[in-house]
Amino acid sequence: MSIPEETTNYIDALSKGAPSRYDDLRVLVFNGTLKRSPEESNTEGLLKVPLEIFESVGARVDVVRTIDHTIPPGVWPDMSEHGWEEDEFPRIYRDLVVPADIVIIAGPIWLGDQSSMTRKIIERLYAYSGETNEKGQWAYYGKVGAALTTGNEDGGKHVSAMVLYSLQHIGMVVPPQSDSYWNGEAGPGPSYLDGEEGGQHNAWTNRNAVFMAWNLLHLARMLKDAGGIPGHGNNANDWDLSDPEHPNPEYR
């Protein structure tokens, strides 16, 4: 499972001419494949393009294959406090999400929509969206988000729209062209890693993956250098929308 030589050469040339340094940035990827490790994942195959770019400029990259972890569904920060025996997500949030500058939600398409693992991570991220930073902004302010999707059926743009909406709604910034996907032909067809007919040799998909990676790096650099988003007019502490008697907490 490797990147085509023509794409690798293009990535190398871009990395050597990078307009800034990115080695202080951290990237976190959630791979929502339904395949447990070490089974080959088409989503992992497409991820190799942006990950090679991140690594070539020295950014730290952490990848979480969601299905390999005990992460219950739910919209509470720690589901072990709500009937589950174990929940790894609080640790993942503390150790990987909090310090991340870039968060990519990646995963396959099933029946035209995002996988259950993809949606579960979005819901668990949402559970922490009521946290605030030192400026009083929601905790995800200053982070940059993106979507990467694979499948052999229609739905790439639909999934990207749902994921990117969710990320910006909880406070992340979405740069231009911040999604990349591979669908293949309509109906059952080749997946991303399926040889010459798959997406590895599709210039459109690989180009968008390259654009996505660099736009994420550029915007994350700009935000980090600026100290995040200005705290004027977006202080959550100025507004009290809580209702302690309501069973569905207002996280936003």
Protein backbone atom coordinates (compact mmCIF):
# COMPACT_ATOMS: atom_id res chain seq x y z
CA MET A 1 0.00 0.00 0.00
CA SER A 2 2.08 2.89 -1.31
CA ILE A 3 1.57 6.26 -2.96
CA PRO A 4 2.06 6.36 -6.76
CA GLU A 5 5.49 7.65 -7.73
CA GLU A 6 4.12 10.67 -9.61
CA THR A 7 2.23 11.81 -6.50
CA THR A 8 5.24 11.23 -4.24
CA ASN A 9 7.48 13.29 -6.52
CA TYR A 10 4.97 16.14 -6.49
CA ILE A 11 4.73 16.00 -2.69
CA ASP A 12 8.53 16.05 -2.32
CA ALA A 13 8.84 19.11 -4.54
CA LEU A 14 6.16 20.99 -2.61
CA SER A 15 7.66 20.11 0.75
CA LYS A 16 11.08 21.37 -0.24
CA GLY A 17 9.55 24.70 -1.25
CA ALA A 18 7.35 25.11 1.84
CA PRO A 19 6.81 28.81 2.65
CA SER A 20 6.95 28.32 6.40
CA ARG A 21 7.84 25.84 9.16
CA TYR A 22 5.25 23.41 10.43
CA ASP A 23 7.27 21.21 12.78
CA ASP A 24 5.51 22.62 15.84
CA LEU A 25 2.07 21.56 14.59
CA ARG A 26 0.18 18.45 15.70
CA VAL A 27 -2.21 16.51 13.50
CA LEU A 28 -4.81 14.05 14.78
CA VAL A 29 -6.63 11.68 12.43
CA PHE A 30 -9.63 9.55 13.33
CA ASN A 31 -9.93 6.66 10.87
CA GLY A 32 -13.53 5.47 10.93
CA THR A 33 -12.96 2.23 9.02
CA LEU A 34 -15.03 -0.76 10.14
CA LYS A 35 -11.98 -3.02 9.79
CA ARG A 36 -9.93 -3.79 12.87
CA SER A 37 -6.14 -3.68 12.69
CA PRO A 38 -4.18 -5.06 10.97
CA GLU A 39 -6.75 -5.56 8.16
CA GLU A 40 -6.05 -3.32 5.16
CA SER A 41 -8.12 -0.12 5.12
CA ASN A 42 -8.91 1.84 1.95
CA THR A 43 -9.33 4.95 4.09
CA GLU A 44 -5.79 4.42 5.40
CA GLY A 45 -4.63 4.14 1.80
CA LEU A 46 -5.93 7.59 0.85
CA LEU A 47 -4.72 9.02 4.17
CA LYS A 48 -1.16 8.19 3.15
CA VAL A 49 -1.18 11.19 0.79
CA PRO A 50 -1.83 13.95 3.37
CA LEU A 51 0.09 12.09 6.08
CA GLU A 52 3.20 11.97 3.92
CA ILE A 53 2.94 15.73 3.48
CA PHE A 54 2.52 16.35 7.21
CA GLU A 55 5.45 14.12 8.05
CA SER A 56 7.64 15.63 5.32
CA VAL A 57 7.39 19.05 6.98
CA GLY A 58 7.96 17.66 10.47
CA ALA A 59 4.45 17.91 11.89
CA ARG A 60 3.58 15.32 14.53
CA VAL A 61 0.87 12.93 13.36
CA ASP A 62 -1.31 10.68 15.55
CA VAL A 63 -3.81 8.28 13.98
CA VAL A 64 -6.64 6.69 15.94
CA ARG A 65 -8.37 3.75 14.25
CA THR A 66 -11.58 4.14 16.19
CA ILE A 67 -12.76 0.54 15.98
CA ASP A 68 -9.58 -0.66 17.73
CA HIS A 69 -10.53 1.26 20.89
CA THR A 70 -13.23 0.96 23.51
CA ILE A 71 -15.19 4.11 22.71
CA PRO A 72 -18.88 3.82 23.59
CA PRO A 73 -21.46 5.90 21.73
CA GLY A 74 -22.92 8.88 23.53
CA VAL A 75 -22.80 12.63 24.00
CA TRP A 76 -21.31 12.76 27.50
CA PRO A 77 -17.58 13.37 28.08
CA ASP A 78 -17.07 10.11 29.98
CA MET A 79 -19.52 7.32 29.20
CA SER A 80 -18.13 5.20 32.04
CA GLU A 81 -20.17 7.51 34.24
CA HIS A 82 -23.29 6.60 32.26
CA GLY A 83 -23.48 2.83 32.39
CA TRP A 84 -20.43 1.72 30.38
CA GLU A 85 -17.69 -0.28 32.08
CA GLU A 86 -14.88 1.37 30.11
CA ASP A 87 -14.38 4.46 27.97
CA GLU A 88 -11.06 5.32 26.32
CA PHE A 89 -12.24 8.57 24.80
CA PRO A 90 -11.53 10.85 27.79
CA ARG A 91 -7.85 9.85 27.55
CA ILE A 92 -7.84 10.28 23.76
CA TYR A 93 -9.43 13.69 24.13
CA ARG A 94 -6.95 14.82 26.80
CA ASP A 95 -3.79 13.42 25.20
CA LEU A 96 -4.50 13.86 21.50
CA VAL A 97 -7.47 16.14 20.77
CA VAL A 98 -6.59 18.97 23.16
CA PRO A 99 -3.02 19.52 21.86
CA ALA A 100 -3.96 18.98 18.18
CA ASP A 101 -3.84 21.90 15.75
CA ILE A 102 -5.43 19.89 12.93
CA VAL A 103 -8.18 17.28 13.25
CA ILE A 104 -9.14 15.08 10.30
CA ILE A 105 -12.25 12.91 10.38
CA ALA A 106 -11.70 10.10 7.88
CA GLY A 107 -13.77 7.06 7.04
CA PRO A 108 -15.64 4.97 4.50
CA ILE A 109 -19.07 5.36 2.94
CA TRP A 110 -21.76 2.78 3.63
CA LEU A 111 -25.21 3.10 2.02
CA GLY A 112 -24.30 6.61 0.88
CA ASP A 113 -23.41 7.95 4.31
CA GLN A 114 -20.63 8.08 6.89
CA SER A 115 -19.70 4.98 8.85
CA SER A 116 -20.92 4.34 12.38
CA MET A 117 -17.35 4.82 13.64
CA THR A 118 -17.13 8.24 11.97
CA ARG A 119 -20.40 9.44 13.42
CA LYS A 120 -19.53 8.13 16.86
CA ILE A 121 -16.36 10.24 17.01
CA ILE A 122 -18.26 13.35 15.96
CA GLU A 123 -20.76 12.74 18.75
CA ARG A 124 -17.99 12.19 21.30
CA LEU A 125 -16.18 15.36 20.17
CA TYR A 126 -19.48 17.18 20.54
CA ALA A 127 -19.67 16.02 24.15
CA TYR A 128 -16.65 18.21 24.96
CA SER A 129 -17.81 21.24 22.99
CA GLY A 130 -19.05 22.89 26.18
CA GLU A 131 -15.48 23.18 27.50
CA THR A 132 -13.89 26.63 27.20
CA ASN A 133 -10.36 27.90 26.66
CA GLU A 134 -8.52 30.66 28.50
CA LYS A 135 -10.35 33.28 26.38
CA GLY A 136 -13.75 31.90 27.29
CA GLN A 137 -14.23 30.53 23.77
CA TRP A 138 -15.39 26.99 23.09
CA ALA A 139 -12.54 24.51 23.42
CA TYR A 140 -12.20 23.75 19.69
CA TYR A 141 -11.57 27.38 18.70
CA GLY A 142 -8.22 27.65 16.94
CA LYS A 143 -8.24 24.07 15.63
CA VAL A 144 -8.53 23.31 11.92
CA GLY A 145 -10.77 20.51 10.70
CA ALA A 146 -11.11 18.42 7.55
CA ALA A 147 -12.88 15.38 6.10
CA LEU A 148 -11.47 12.49 4.08
CA THR A 149 -13.76 9.81 2.68
CA THR A 150 -13.44 6.57 0.73
CA GLY A 151 -15.94 4.17 -0.78
CA ASN A 152 -17.09 2.44 -3.94
CA GLU A 153 -20.55 3.98 -3.93
CA ASP A 154 -21.97 7.49 -4.13
CA GLY A 155 -21.97 9.88 -1.19
CA GLY A 156 -18.55 11.51 -0.96
CA LYS A 157 -19.76 15.10 -1.05
CA HIS A 158 -22.68 14.35 1.23
CA VAL A 159 -20.39 12.85 3.87
CA SER A 160 -17.95 15.75 3.59
CA ALA A 161 -20.79 18.24 4.01
CA MET A 162 -22.05 16.53 7.16
CA VAL A 163 -18.59 16.14 8.73
CA LEU A 164 -17.40 19.65 7.92
CA TYR A 165 -20.62 21.19 9.19
CA SER A 166 -20.24 19.30 12.46
CA LEU A 167 -16.63 20.38 12.94
CA GLN A 168 -17.29 24.06 12.33
CA HIS A 169 -20.39 23.95 14.50
CA ILE A 170 -18.40 22.85 17.54
CA GLY A 171 -15.82 25.58 16.92
CA MET A 172 -13.18 24.38 14.46
CA VAL A 173 -12.13 26.37 11.41
CA VAL A 174 -12.62 24.80 7.98
CA PRO A 175 -10.12 25.94 5.32
CA PRO A 176 -10.86 26.04 1.58
CA GLN A 177 -11.01 22.66 -0.18
CA SER A 178 -10.73 20.83 3.11
CA ASP A 179 -12.13 17.53 1.90
CA SER A 180 -10.93 14.70 -0.28
CA TYR A 181 -12.75 11.56 -1.32
CA TRP A 182 -12.76 8.54 -3.59
CA ASN A 183 -16.02 6.96 -4.76
CA GLY A 184 -15.18 5.04 -7.91
CA GLU A 185 -17.86 4.36 -10.48
CA ALA A 186 -21.54 4.37 -9.54
CA GLY A 187 -22.68 1.05 -8.13
CA PRO A 188 -20.36 -1.70 -6.90
CA GLY A 189 -16.95 -0.85 -8.23
CA PRO A 190 -13.25 -0.54 -7.37
CA SER A 191 -12.21 0.69 -3.94
CA TYR A 192 -9.30 3.10 -3.44
CA LEU A 193 -6.65 0.37 -3.18
CA ASP A 194 -7.98 -1.83 -6.01
CA GLY A 195 -4.99 -1.71 -8.36
CA GLU A 196 -5.03 0.28 -11.58
CA GLU A 197 -8.81 0.76 -11.44
CA GLY A 198 -8.78 2.08 -7.88
CA GLY A 199 -8.23 5.58 -6.60
CA GLN A 200 -4.48 5.47 -6.05
CA HIS A 201 -3.93 6.49 -9.67
CA ASN A 202 -6.81 8.96 -9.82
CA ALA A 203 -5.23 12.40 -10.24
CA TRP A 204 -8.38 14.25 -9.12
CA THR A 205 -8.57 12.44 -5.78
CA ASN A 206 -4.84 12.66 -5.09
CA ARG A 207 -4.72 16.32 -6.09
CA ASN A 208 -7.54 17.16 -3.67
CA ALA A 209 -5.80 15.23 -0.90
CA VAL A 210 -2.65 17.30 -1.51
CA PHE A 211 -4.62 20.58 -1.59
CA MET A 212 -6.41 19.61 1.62
CA ALA A 213 -3.16 18.85 3.46
CA TRP A 214 -1.47 22.10 2.50
CA ASN A 215 -4.54 24.24 3.20
CA LEU A 216 -4.74 22.66 6.64
CA LEU A 217 -1.07 23.41 7.30
CA HIS A 218 -1.34 27.00 6.04
CA LEU A 219 -4.41 27.84 8.11
CA ALA A 220 -3.11 26.08 11.22
CA ARG A 221 0.13 28.07 10.88
CA MET A 222 -1.78 31.34 10.55
CA LEU A 223 -3.97 30.60 13.56
CA LYS A 224 -1.07 29.47 15.76
CA ASP A 225 1.00 32.53 14.88
CA ALA A 226 -1.98 34.80 15.59
CA GLY A 227 -2.62 33.21 18.98
CA GLY A 228 -5.86 31.65 17.79
CA ILE A 229 -9.10 33.45 16.99
CA PRO A 230 -9.57 36.83 18.69
CA GLY A 231 -11.65 36.53 21.85
CA HIS A 232 -13.82 39.59 21.20
CA GLY A 233 -17.55 38.94 20.93
CA ASN A 234 -17.38 35.16 21.30
CA ASN A 235 -16.96 34.65 25.05
CA ALA A 236 -19.24 31.82 26.10
CA ASN A 237 -19.07 32.94 29.71
CA ASP A 238 -21.09 36.04 28.80
CA TRP A 239 -24.12 33.85 28.08
CA ASP A 240 -25.88 31.41 30.38
CA LEU A 241 -28.10 29.05 28.40
CA SER A 242 -27.95 26.24 30.93
CA ASP A 243 -31.05 24.54 32.26
CA PRO A 244 -30.06 22.16 35.08
CA GLU A 245 -33.47 20.47 34.92
CA HIS A 246 -33.17 19.61 31.21
CA PRO A 247 -31.93 16.08 30.37
CA ASN A 248 -30.21 17.21 27.16
CA PRO A 249 -27.35 19.59 28.11
CA GLU A 250 -26.70 22.70 26.07
CA TYR A 251 -23.07 22.16 25.06
CA ARG A 252 -22.79 25.05 22.68
